[in-house]
Amino acid sequence: MKVGQQCVGCGQCAAYCPYEAITVFVRAIMDEKCIGCGTCIKYCPVCAISGDE
């Protein structure tokens, strides 16, 4: 998964990640637990996450 510059750091993606693979500081950061399921894409209010790596 790739997080774009438009990420506002709201944390919605992290809240809904079933693998707890997202940490939010200024922007969302995916860690090695990410399996690319795409749940975070669905919950991002600014469409900042894509399936591209």
Protein backbone atom coordinates (compact mmCIF):
# COMPACT_ATOMS: atom_id res chain seq x y z
CA MET A 1 0.00 0.00 0.00
CA LYS A 2 1.17 3.52 -0.69
CA VAL A 3 0.24 6.67 1.22
CA GLY A 4 0.12 9.85 -0.86
CA GLN A 5 0.98 13.44 0.02
CA GLN A 6 -2.71 14.27 0.49
CA CYS A 7 -2.78 12.24 3.75
CA VAL A 8 -3.92 14.51 6.59
CA GLY A 9 -3.00 12.11 9.42
CA CYS A 10 -6.58 11.66 10.64
CA GLY A 11 -6.00 8.04 11.70
CA GLN A 12 -9.14 6.54 10.16
CA CYS A 13 -7.06 4.02 8.21
CA ALA A 14 -5.24 2.90 11.36
CA ALA A 15 -8.48 2.61 13.33
CA TYR A 16 -9.95 0.15 10.82
CA CYS A 17 -6.82 -1.83 9.87
CA PRO A 18 -7.52 -5.45 10.88
CA TYR A 19 -3.78 -6.19 11.08
CA GLU A 20 -2.78 -3.10 13.13
CA ALA A 21 -0.24 -2.36 10.40
CA ILE A 22 -0.59 1.43 10.29
CA THR A 23 0.99 4.05 12.52
CA VAL A 24 0.08 7.71 12.20
CA PHE A 25 2.52 10.50 13.02
CA VAL A 26 2.23 13.38 10.56
CA ARG A 27 1.01 10.91 7.92
CA ALA A 28 0.04 7.25 7.89
CA ILE A 29 2.91 4.78 7.71
CA MET A 30 2.42 1.13 6.74
CA ASP A 31 4.67 -1.40 8.43
CA GLU A 32 5.67 -4.97 7.59
CA LYS A 33 2.40 -6.36 9.01
CA CYS A 34 0.51 -4.85 6.05
CA ILE A 35 -0.74 -7.62 3.76
CA GLY A 36 -2.35 -5.27 1.23
CA CYS A 37 -5.96 -6.16 2.04
CA GLY A 38 -7.20 -2.67 1.10
CA THR A 39 -9.40 -2.02 4.12
CA CYS A 40 -7.56 1.24 4.77
CA ILE A 41 -8.38 2.49 1.26
CA LYS A 42 -12.09 2.19 1.97
CA TYR A 43 -11.89 4.28 5.17
CA CYS A 44 -9.55 7.06 4.01
CA PRO A 45 -11.67 10.24 3.78
CA VAL A 46 -9.22 12.01 1.44
CA CYS A 47 -8.39 9.02 -0.82
CA ALA A 48 -4.70 9.21 0.10
CA ILE A 49 -4.02 5.45 0.05
CA SER A 50 -3.59 3.35 -3.05
CA GLY A 51 -2.74 -0.28 -3.71
CA ASP A 52 0.44 0.72 -5.54
CA GLU A 53 3.72 -0.11 -3.87
